[in-house]
Amino acid sequence: MSDLLARLFDDAALGPPDRVPMDRALAAHRAAARDPATGRFLCPASRFAELRALLVPEDLLDLGLIADTGIGELPEALDAAGAEPRVRTSAVRIALPGEADQARAAAVTIAQLPAGVPAHIQVRHSPGWRDALDRMSAAREHGVLLGAAHRMDGPSADVAAFIAACADRGLPFTCAAGADHAVRHRDRHGFLNILLATASATRGNDDVRQTLERTDASGPSGLAAELLALTGAEARATRRLLLSFSVPGLDAALSALSLIRTPTA
């Protein structure tokens, strides 16, 4: 399971719905960081100074910097993070404006990306979104460190279309589910569904939407059993496409992993 679960969960405790205070979020992340499934600590650029003030000498955070102050301010935010030895910025996340044509917005964003740090561009399911993925894929072919990002709280058809479109383009993506679907496996679009749907998409299967809507987490033919049956090569292909899954609460997410960490669970 290590290939499938390594650094799967990005810590989005600072975001909605709970917007956990920085001191509590940071303490919880330190405690969870011992688990190999724990990934980045996601922090808005506007709150980096607040984060920095609470760091202790022992900290070495893997940071996902959210460009909430706009892409124009991102170089300054990256410089500030780069000057702090207790963090390592491994990715930035940039949301395209929801009201904009996604292809045009993606082109403008890609042209302004700072070099050297992988960027995850969050695409809305609105006009131009497929063309936006095409632009990202083309930029990757020219050496830009780039992936897509998407919130998985829309209709199943939209989520399935996004996953399949990324698979078709070989475009890696990171995702975040809605707060009510992020972890609970009985809900559609939980992390088990996303993992298995991504695995299906990498194999060219057409059951991505049905997989997203399944609620049979356990049992001999449930979601967990199918994930446990993936070969090492299939697990690696799945995670090359699915970079990470953002969750508002790491404790609940890591606890839910018992379904696929322990076959008898």
C-alpha atoms as a PDB file:
ATOM      1  CA  MET A   1       0.000   0.000   0.000  1.00  0.00           C
ATOM      2  CA  SER A   2       2.946   2.351   0.408  1.00  0.00           C
ATOM      3  CA  ASP A   3       2.963   3.284  -3.290  1.00  0.00           C
ATOM      4  CA  LEU A   4      -0.710   4.172  -3.148  1.00  0.00           C
ATOM      5  CA  LEU A   5      -0.787   6.040   0.161  1.00  0.00           C
ATOM      6  CA  ALA A   6       2.542   7.866   0.422  1.00  0.00           C
ATOM      7  CA  ARG A   7       1.911  11.569   1.090  1.00  0.00           C
ATOM      8  CA  LEU A   8      -1.677  11.204  -0.068  1.00  0.00           C
ATOM      9  CA  PHE A   9      -3.324  13.780   2.202  1.00  0.00           C
ATOM     10  CA  ASP A  10      -2.551  17.478   2.037  1.00  0.00           C
ATOM     11  CA  ASP A  11      -3.528  19.298   5.216  1.00  0.00           C
ATOM     12  CA  ALA A  12      -6.169  21.944   4.459  1.00  0.00           C
ATOM     13  CA  ALA A  13      -7.116  22.685   8.067  1.00  0.00           C
ATOM     14  CA  LEU A  14      -6.718  26.435   7.545  1.00  0.00           C
ATOM     15  CA  GLY A  15      -9.413  26.458   4.883  1.00  0.00           C
ATOM     16  CA  PRO A  16     -13.169  25.968   4.991  1.00  0.00           C
ATOM     17  CA  PRO A  17     -15.305  24.713   6.587  1.00  0.00           C
ATOM     18  CA  ASP A  18     -13.580  24.915   9.974  1.00  0.00           C
ATOM     19  CA  ARG A  19     -10.791  27.429   9.285  1.00  0.00           C
ATOM     20  CA  VAL A  20      -8.842  26.088  12.248  1.00  0.00           C
ATOM     21  CA  PRO A  21      -6.710  28.723  14.024  1.00  0.00           C
ATOM     22  CA  MET A  22      -3.077  28.640  12.934  1.00  0.00           C
ATOM     23  CA  ASP A  23      -1.666  27.475  16.269  1.00  0.00           C
ATOM     24  CA  ARG A  24      -4.051  24.517  16.474  1.00  0.00           C
ATOM     25  CA  ALA A  25      -3.640  23.615  12.808  1.00  0.00           C
ATOM     26  CA  LEU A  26       0.141  23.644  13.077  1.00  0.00           C
ATOM     27  CA  ALA A  27       0.176  21.547  16.254  1.00  0.00           C
ATOM     28  CA  ALA A  28      -2.132  18.968  14.679  1.00  0.00           C
ATOM     29  CA  HIS A  29       0.009  18.822  11.553  1.00  0.00           C
ATOM     30  CA  ARG A  30       3.171  18.239  13.580  1.00  0.00           C
ATOM     31  CA  ALA A  31       1.486  15.310  15.311  1.00  0.00           C
ATOM     32  CA  ALA A  32       0.243  13.834  12.036  1.00  0.00           C
ATOM     33  CA  ALA A  33       3.500  14.336  10.145  1.00  0.00           C
ATOM     34  CA  ARG A  34       4.849  11.041  11.506  1.00  0.00           C
ATOM     35  CA  ASP A  35       2.357   9.188   9.323  1.00  0.00           C
ATOM     36  CA  PRO A  36       3.742   8.534   5.807  1.00  0.00           C
ATOM     37  CA  ALA A  37       0.346   9.369   4.300  1.00  0.00           C
ATOM     38  CA  THR A  38       0.648  12.989   5.482  1.00  0.00           C
ATOM     39  CA  GLY A  39       1.640  15.419   2.763  1.00  0.00           C
ATOM     40  CA  ARG A  40       1.869  19.195   2.554  1.00  0.00           C
ATOM     41  CA  PHE A  41       0.649  21.793   4.993  1.00  0.00           C
ATOM     42  CA  LEU A  42      -1.465  24.136   2.872  1.00  0.00           C
ATOM     43  CA  CYS A  43      -1.101  27.792   3.835  1.00  0.00           C
ATOM     44  CA  PRO A  44      -2.502  30.893   2.114  1.00  0.00           C
ATOM     45  CA  ALA A  45       0.216  33.318   1.093  1.00  0.00           C
ATOM     46  CA  SER A  46      -1.607  36.006   3.062  1.00  0.00           C
ATOM     47  CA  ARG A  47      -1.030  34.014   6.272  1.00  0.00           C
ATOM     48  CA  PHE A  48       2.578  32.961   5.825  1.00  0.00           C
ATOM     49  CA  ALA A  49       3.880  35.590   8.267  1.00  0.00           C
ATOM     50  CA  GLU A  50       1.447  34.219  10.864  1.00  0.00           C
ATOM     51  CA  LEU A  51       2.711  30.689  10.215  1.00  0.00           C
ATOM     52  CA  ARG A  52       6.345  31.778  10.405  1.00  0.00           C
ATOM     53  CA  ALA A  53       5.832  33.404  13.793  1.00  0.00           C
ATOM     54  CA  LEU A  54       4.655  30.081  15.236  1.00  0.00           C
ATOM     55  CA  LEU A  55       7.408  27.840  13.874  1.00  0.00           C
ATOM     56  CA  VAL A  56       9.785  26.190  16.327  1.00  0.00           C
ATOM     57  CA  PRO A  57      13.442  25.299  15.685  1.00  0.00           C
ATOM     58  CA  GLU A  58      12.581  21.624  15.097  1.00  0.00           C
ATOM     59  CA  ASP A  59      10.053  22.341  12.351  1.00  0.00           C
ATOM     60  CA  LEU A  60      10.674  21.356   8.745  1.00  0.00           C
ATOM     61  CA  LEU A  61       7.353  21.794   7.004  1.00  0.00           C
ATOM     62  CA  ASP A  62       6.551  20.640   3.513  1.00  0.00           C
ATOM     63  CA  LEU A  63       4.566  23.698   2.439  1.00  0.00           C
ATOM     64  CA  GLY A  64       1.864  24.072  -0.165  1.00  0.00           C
ATOM     65  CA  LEU A  65       1.497  27.807  -0.742  1.00  0.00           C
ATOM     66  CA  ILE A  66      -1.962  28.960  -1.835  1.00  0.00           C
ATOM     67  CA  ALA A  67      -1.844  32.079  -3.987  1.00  0.00           C
ATOM     68  CA  ASP A  68      -4.798  33.821  -2.350  1.00  0.00           C
ATOM     69  CA  THR A  69      -3.233  37.268  -2.838  1.00  0.00           C
ATOM     70  CA  GLY A  70      -3.028  36.857  -6.611  1.00  0.00           C
ATOM     71  CA  ILE A  71      -0.388  35.531  -8.945  1.00  0.00           C
ATOM     72  CA  GLY A  72       1.243  38.941  -9.189  1.00  0.00           C
ATOM     73  CA  GLU A  73       2.155  38.755  -5.503  1.00  0.00           C
ATOM     74  CA  LEU A  74       3.320  35.150  -5.674  1.00  0.00           C
ATOM     75  CA  PRO A  75       7.039  35.821  -6.300  1.00  0.00           C
ATOM     76  CA  GLU A  76       7.226  37.927  -3.136  1.00  0.00           C
ATOM     77  CA  ALA A  77       5.464  35.207  -1.144  1.00  0.00           C
ATOM     78  CA  LEU A  78       7.832  32.574  -2.508  1.00  0.00           C
ATOM     79  CA  ASP A  79      10.829  34.730  -1.626  1.00  0.00           C
ATOM     80  CA  ALA A  80       9.557  35.033   1.950  1.00  0.00           C
ATOM     81  CA  ALA A  81       9.040  31.271   2.189  1.00  0.00           C
ATOM     82  CA  GLY A  82      12.430  30.614   0.601  1.00  0.00           C
ATOM     83  CA  ALA A  83      14.105  32.739   3.245  1.00  0.00           C
ATOM     84  CA  GLU A  84      12.648  30.560   5.998  1.00  0.00           C
ATOM     85  CA  PRO A  85      14.778  27.416   6.544  1.00  0.00           C
ATOM     86  CA  ARG A  86      12.044  25.681   8.542  1.00  0.00           C
ATOM     87  CA  VAL A  87       9.772  25.304   5.506  1.00  0.00           C
ATOM     88  CA  ARG A  88      10.220  23.852   2.043  1.00  0.00           C
ATOM     89  CA  THR A  89       7.745  25.058  -0.572  1.00  0.00           C
ATOM     90  CA  SER A  90       7.051  22.011  -2.729  1.00  0.00           C
ATOM     91  CA  ALA A  91       4.063  23.412  -4.640  1.00  0.00           C
ATOM     92  CA  VAL A  92       1.923  26.461  -5.176  1.00  0.00           C
ATOM     93  CA  ARG A  93      -1.797  26.349  -5.816  1.00  0.00           C
ATOM     94  CA  ILE A  94      -3.552  28.936  -7.969  1.00  0.00           C
ATOM     95  CA  ALA A  95      -7.303  29.080  -8.589  1.00  0.00           C
ATOM     96  CA  LEU A  96      -8.557  30.381 -11.919  1.00  0.00           C
ATOM     97  CA  PRO A  97     -11.344  32.976 -11.663  1.00  0.00           C
ATOM     98  CA  GLY A  98     -14.683  31.220 -11.805  1.00  0.00           C
ATOM     99  CA  GLU A  99     -16.291  33.833 -14.031  1.00  0.00           C
ATOM    100  CA  ALA A 100     -13.473  33.805 -16.607  1.00  0.00           C
ATOM    101  CA  ASP A 101     -13.096  31.632 -19.677  1.00  0.00           C
ATOM    102  CA  GLN A 102     -10.900  28.925 -18.216  1.00  0.00           C
ATOM    103  CA  ALA A 103      -8.679  28.518 -21.280  1.00  0.00           C
ATOM    104  CA  ARG A 104      -7.842  32.217 -21.474  1.00  0.00           C
ATOM    105  CA  ALA A 105      -7.337  32.431 -17.716  1.00  0.00           C
ATOM    106  CA  ALA A 106      -5.049  29.391 -17.805  1.00  0.00           C
ATOM    107  CA  ALA A 107      -2.938  30.919 -20.579  1.00  0.00           C
ATOM    108  CA  VAL A 108      -2.506  34.163 -18.628  1.00  0.00           C
ATOM    109  CA  THR A 109      -1.684  32.267 -15.432  1.00  0.00           C
ATOM    110  CA  ILE A 110       0.864  29.966 -17.070  1.00  0.00           C
ATOM    111  CA  ALA A 111       2.632  32.970 -18.609  1.00  0.00           C
ATOM    112  CA  GLN A 112       3.082  34.503 -15.140  1.00  0.00           C
ATOM    113  CA  LEU A 113       4.165  31.409 -13.227  1.00  0.00           C
ATOM    114  CA  PRO A 114       7.354  31.763 -11.202  1.00  0.00           C
ATOM    115  CA  ALA A 115       9.992  29.266 -12.247  1.00  0.00           C
ATOM    116  CA  GLY A 116      11.290  26.436 -10.135  1.00  0.00           C
ATOM    117  CA  VAL A 117       8.282  25.453  -8.017  1.00  0.00           C
ATOM    118  CA  PRO A 118       5.553  23.056  -9.214  1.00  0.00           C
ATOM    119  CA  ALA A 119       2.230  24.830  -9.696  1.00  0.00           C
ATOM    120  CA  HIS A 120      -1.226  23.307  -9.413  1.00  0.00           C
ATOM    121  CA  ILE A 121      -3.796  25.365 -11.297  1.00  0.00           C
ATOM    122  CA  GLN A 122      -7.348  24.918 -10.055  1.00  0.00           C
ATOM    123  CA  VAL A 123      -9.788  24.647 -12.942  1.00  0.00           C
ATOM    124  CA  ARG A 124     -13.493  25.359 -12.594  1.00  0.00           C
ATOM    125  CA  HIS A 125     -16.015  23.270 -14.503  1.00  0.00           C
ATOM    126  CA  SER A 126     -17.051  26.204 -16.664  1.00  0.00           C
ATOM    127  CA  PRO A 127     -16.570  27.190 -20.326  1.00  0.00           C
ATOM    128  CA  GLY A 128     -13.101  26.503 -21.641  1.00  0.00           C
ATOM    129  CA  TRP A 129     -12.055  24.030 -18.957  1.00  0.00           C
ATOM    130  CA  ARG A 130     -10.981  21.279 -21.367  1.00  0.00           C
ATOM    131  CA  ASP A 131      -8.965  23.770 -23.407  1.00  0.00           C
ATOM    132  CA  ALA A 132      -7.395  24.942 -20.136  1.00  0.00           C
ATOM    133  CA  LEU A 133      -6.195  21.378 -19.514  1.00  0.00           C
ATOM    134  CA  ASP A 134      -4.806  21.298 -23.064  1.00  0.00           C
ATOM    135  CA  ARG A 135      -2.808  24.458 -22.355  1.00  0.00           C
ATOM    136  CA  MET A 136      -1.446  22.976 -19.142  1.00  0.00           C
ATOM    137  CA  SER A 137      -0.500  19.752 -20.887  1.00  0.00           C
ATOM    138  CA  ALA A 138       1.292  21.676 -23.644  1.00  0.00           C
ATOM    139  CA  ALA A 139       3.159  23.749 -21.044  1.00  0.00           C
ATOM    140  CA  ARG A 140       4.288  20.558 -19.288  1.00  0.00           C
ATOM    141  CA  GLU A 141       5.681  19.271 -22.570  1.00  0.00           C
ATOM    142  CA  HIS A 142       7.831  22.411 -22.658  1.00  0.00           C
ATOM    143  CA  GLY A 143       9.198  21.746 -19.198  1.00  0.00           C
ATOM    144  CA  VAL A 144       6.842  23.792 -17.001  1.00  0.00           C
ATOM    145  CA  LEU A 145       6.336  22.153 -13.602  1.00  0.00           C
ATOM    146  CA  LEU A 146       2.580  22.050 -13.748  1.00  0.00           C
ATOM    147  CA  GLY A 147      -0.481  20.054 -12.728  1.00  0.00           C
ATOM    148  CA  ALA A 148      -4.204  20.635 -12.520  1.00  0.00           C
ATOM    149  CA  ALA A 149      -6.327  21.036  -9.405  1.00  0.00           C
ATOM    150  CA  HIS A 150     -10.052  20.608  -8.935  1.00  0.00           C
ATOM    151  CA  ARG A 151     -12.672  20.629  -6.210  1.00  0.00           C
ATOM    152  CA  MET A 152     -14.505  17.320  -6.267  1.00  0.00           C
ATOM    153  CA  ASP A 153     -17.769  18.578  -4.769  1.00  0.00           C
ATOM    154  CA  GLY A 154     -19.628  19.047  -8.042  1.00  0.00           C
ATOM    155  CA  PRO A 155     -21.905  16.549  -9.804  1.00  0.00           C
ATOM    156  CA  SER A 156     -20.426  13.118 -10.396  1.00  0.00           C
ATOM    157  CA  ALA A 157     -20.532  13.621 -14.147  1.00  0.00           C
ATOM    158  CA  ASP A 158     -18.364  16.745 -13.863  1.00  0.00           C
ATOM    159  CA  VAL A 159     -15.852  15.111 -11.522  1.00  0.00           C
ATOM    160  CA  ALA A 160     -15.632  12.014 -13.723  1.00  0.00           C
ATOM    161  CA  ALA A 161     -15.124  14.152 -16.824  1.00  0.00           C
ATOM    162  CA  PHE A 162     -12.270  16.011 -15.137  1.00  0.00           C
ATOM    163  CA  ILE A 163     -10.483  12.835 -14.004  1.00  0.00           C
ATOM    164  CA  ALA A 164     -10.888  11.206 -17.409  1.00  0.00           C
ATOM    165  CA  ALA A 165      -9.694  14.349 -19.204  1.00  0.00           C
ATOM    166  CA  CYS A 166      -6.551  14.496 -17.055  1.00  0.00           C
ATOM    167  CA  ALA A 167      -5.896  10.804 -17.682  1.00  0.00           C
ATOM    168  CA  ASP A 168      -6.299  11.285 -21.440  1.00  0.00           C
ATOM    169  CA  ARG A 169      -3.687  14.058 -21.364  1.00  0.00           C
ATOM    170  CA  GLY A 170      -1.349  12.440 -18.851  1.00  0.00           C
ATOM    171  CA  LEU A 171      -1.846  15.567 -16.769  1.00  0.00           C
ATOM    172  CA  PRO A 172      -1.364  14.992 -13.029  1.00  0.00           C
ATOM    173  CA  PHE A 173      -3.857  16.600 -10.700  1.00  0.00           C
ATOM    174  CA  THR A 174      -4.523  17.314  -7.067  1.00  0.00           C
ATOM    175  CA  CYS A 175      -8.014  17.431  -5.677  1.00  0.00           C
ATOM    176  CA  ALA A 176     -10.081  18.592  -2.751  1.00  0.00           C
ATOM    177  CA  ALA A 177     -13.510  17.281  -1.951  1.00  0.00           C
ATOM    178  CA  GLY A 178     -16.281  19.265  -0.379  1.00  0.00           C
ATOM    179  CA  ALA A 179     -16.169  19.333   3.407  1.00  0.00           C
ATOM    180  CA  ASP A 180     -19.006  16.821   3.673  1.00  0.00           C
ATOM    181  CA  HIS A 181     -17.374  14.312   1.320  1.00  0.00           C
ATOM    182  CA  ALA A 182     -13.668  14.605   2.055  1.00  0.00           C
ATOM    183  CA  VAL A 183     -13.206  11.492   4.156  1.00  0.00           C
ATOM    184  CA  ARG A 184     -16.397   9.624   4.855  1.00  0.00           C
ATOM    185  CA  HIS A 185     -16.297   6.609   2.595  1.00  0.00           C
ATOM    186  CA  ARG A 186     -20.062   6.189   2.686  1.00  0.00           C
ATOM    187  CA  ASP A 187     -20.354   9.424   0.689  1.00  0.00           C
ATOM    188  CA  ARG A 188     -19.589   9.666  -2.982  1.00  0.00           C
ATOM    189  CA  HIS A 189     -16.359  11.437  -3.922  1.00  0.00           C
ATOM    190  CA  GLY A 190     -14.579  10.262  -0.770  1.00  0.00           C
ATOM    191  CA  PHE A 191     -10.898   9.479  -1.048  1.00  0.00           C
ATOM    192  CA  LEU A 192     -11.505   5.760  -1.659  1.00  0.00           C
ATOM    193  CA  ASN A 193     -13.764   6.639  -4.585  1.00  0.00           C
ATOM    194  CA  ILE A 194     -11.268   9.137  -5.979  1.00  0.00           C
ATOM    195  CA  LEU A 195      -8.365   6.702  -5.709  1.00  0.00           C
ATOM    196  CA  LEU A 196     -10.223   3.867  -7.425  1.00  0.00           C
ATOM    197  CA  ALA A 197     -11.756   6.174 -10.056  1.00  0.00           C
ATOM    198  CA  THR A 198      -8.276   7.445 -10.875  1.00  0.00           C
ATOM    199  CA  ALA A 199      -6.984   3.891 -11.113  1.00  0.00           C
ATOM    200  CA  SER A 200      -9.816   3.082 -13.528  1.00  0.00           C
ATOM    201  CA  ALA A 201      -9.042   6.155 -15.617  1.00  0.00           C
ATOM    202  CA  THR A 202      -5.363   5.220 -15.927  1.00  0.00           C
ATOM    203  CA  ARG A 203      -6.468   1.871 -17.357  1.00  0.00           C
ATOM    204  CA  GLY A 204      -8.779   3.552 -19.863  1.00  0.00           C
ATOM    205  CA  ASN A 205     -11.935   2.201 -18.243  1.00  0.00           C
ATOM    206  CA  ASP A 206     -15.240   3.991 -18.720  1.00  0.00           C
ATOM    207  CA  ASP A 207     -16.636   3.338 -15.220  1.00  0.00           C
ATOM    208  CA  VAL A 208     -15.176   6.449 -13.572  1.00  0.00           C
ATOM    209  CA  ARG A 209     -18.534   8.038 -12.790  1.00  0.00           C
ATOM    210  CA  GLN A 210     -19.990   4.802 -11.412  1.00  0.00           C
ATOM    211  CA  THR A 211     -16.926   4.368  -9.197  1.00  0.00           C
ATOM    212  CA  LEU A 212     -17.326   7.896  -7.815  1.00  0.00           C
ATOM    213  CA  GLU A 213     -20.916   7.144  -6.828  1.00  0.00           C
ATOM    214  CA  ARG A 214     -20.266   3.824  -5.089  1.00  0.00           C
ATOM    215  CA  THR A 215     -20.866   3.573  -1.340  1.00  0.00           C
ATOM    216  CA  ASP A 216     -19.677  -0.012  -0.786  1.00  0.00           C
ATOM    217  CA  ALA A 217     -16.449   0.733   1.039  1.00  0.00           C
ATOM    218  CA  SER A 218     -15.966  -2.646   2.706  1.00  0.00           C
ATOM    219  CA  GLY A 219     -16.833  -6.220   1.861  1.00  0.00           C
ATOM    220  CA  PRO A 220     -15.172  -8.742  -0.455  1.00  0.00           C
ATOM    221  CA  SER A 221     -15.891  -6.699  -3.587  1.00  0.00           C
ATOM    222  CA  GLY A 222     -16.015  -3.207  -2.091  1.00  0.00           C
ATOM    223  CA  LEU A 223     -13.891  -0.158  -2.818  1.00  0.00           C
ATOM    224  CA  ALA A 224     -11.263  -1.089  -0.229  1.00  0.00           C
ATOM    225  CA  ALA A 225     -10.923  -4.630  -1.564  1.00  0.00           C
ATOM    226  CA  GLU A 226     -10.435  -3.372  -5.122  1.00  0.00           C
ATOM    227  CA  LEU A 227      -7.784  -0.908  -3.999  1.00  0.00           C
ATOM    228  CA  LEU A 228      -5.984  -3.643  -2.071  1.00  0.00           C
ATOM    229  CA  ALA A 229      -5.996  -5.750  -5.244  1.00  0.00           C
ATOM    230  CA  LEU A 230      -4.117  -3.141  -7.294  1.00  0.00           C
ATOM    231  CA  THR A 231      -0.673  -4.242  -8.391  1.00  0.00           C
ATOM    232  CA  GLY A 232       2.349  -2.147  -7.503  1.00  0.00           C
ATOM    233  CA  ALA A 233       2.514  -0.853 -11.071  1.00  0.00           C
ATOM    234  CA  GLU A 234      -1.171   0.093 -11.000  1.00  0.00           C
ATOM    235  CA  ALA A 235      -0.773   1.875  -7.665  1.00  0.00           C
ATOM    236  CA  ARG A 236       2.199   3.860  -8.961  1.00  0.00           C
ATOM    237  CA  ALA A 237       0.329   4.815 -12.138  1.00  0.00           C
ATOM    238  CA  THR A 238      -2.622   5.936 -10.031  1.00  0.00           C
ATOM    239  CA  ARG A 239      -0.462   8.214  -7.892  1.00  0.00           C
ATOM    240  CA  ARG A 240       1.446   9.605 -10.863  1.00  0.00           C
ATOM    241  CA  LEU A 241      -1.925  10.947 -11.990  1.00  0.00           C
ATOM    242  CA  LEU A 242      -3.440  11.741  -8.572  1.00  0.00           C
ATOM    243  CA  LEU A 243      -0.841  13.826  -6.756  1.00  0.00           C
ATOM    244  CA  SER A 244      -2.707  14.420  -3.508  1.00  0.00           C
ATOM    245  CA  PHE A 245      -6.085  14.766  -1.842  1.00  0.00           C
ATOM    246  CA  SER A 246      -6.671  17.843   0.350  1.00  0.00           C
ATOM    247  CA  VAL A 247      -8.567  17.223   3.574  1.00  0.00           C
ATOM    248  CA  PRO A 248      -9.760  19.662   6.250  1.00  0.00           C
ATOM    249  CA  GLY A 249      -9.005  17.197   9.053  1.00  0.00           C
ATOM    250  CA  LEU A 250      -5.966  14.921   8.950  1.00  0.00           C
ATOM    251  CA  ASP A 251      -6.949  12.881  12.002  1.00  0.00           C
ATOM    252  CA  ALA A 252     -10.179  11.678  10.426  1.00  0.00           C
ATOM    253  CA  ALA A 253      -8.494  11.033   7.088  1.00  0.00           C
ATOM    254  CA  LEU A 254      -5.641   9.007   8.562  1.00  0.00           C
ATOM    255  CA  SER A 255      -8.051   7.038  10.740  1.00  0.00           C
ATOM    256  CA  ALA A 256     -10.151   6.172   7.687  1.00  0.00           C
ATOM    257  CA  LEU A 257      -7.078   4.659   6.033  1.00  0.00           C
ATOM    258  CA  SER A 258      -7.543   1.595   8.235  1.00  0.00           C
ATOM    259  CA  LEU A 259      -9.915   0.333   5.560  1.00  0.00           C
ATOM    260  CA  ILE A 260      -7.066  -0.224   3.159  1.00  0.00           C
ATOM    261  CA  ARG A 261      -4.152  -0.514   5.559  1.00  0.00           C
ATOM    262  CA  THR A 262      -5.736  -3.530   7.280  1.00  0.00           C
ATOM    263  CA  PRO A 263      -7.361  -5.963   4.850  1.00  0.00           C
ATOM    264  CA  THR A 264      -9.633  -7.394   7.537  1.00  0.00           C
ATOM    265  CA  ALA A 265     -10.985  -3.973   8.595  1.00  0.00           C
END
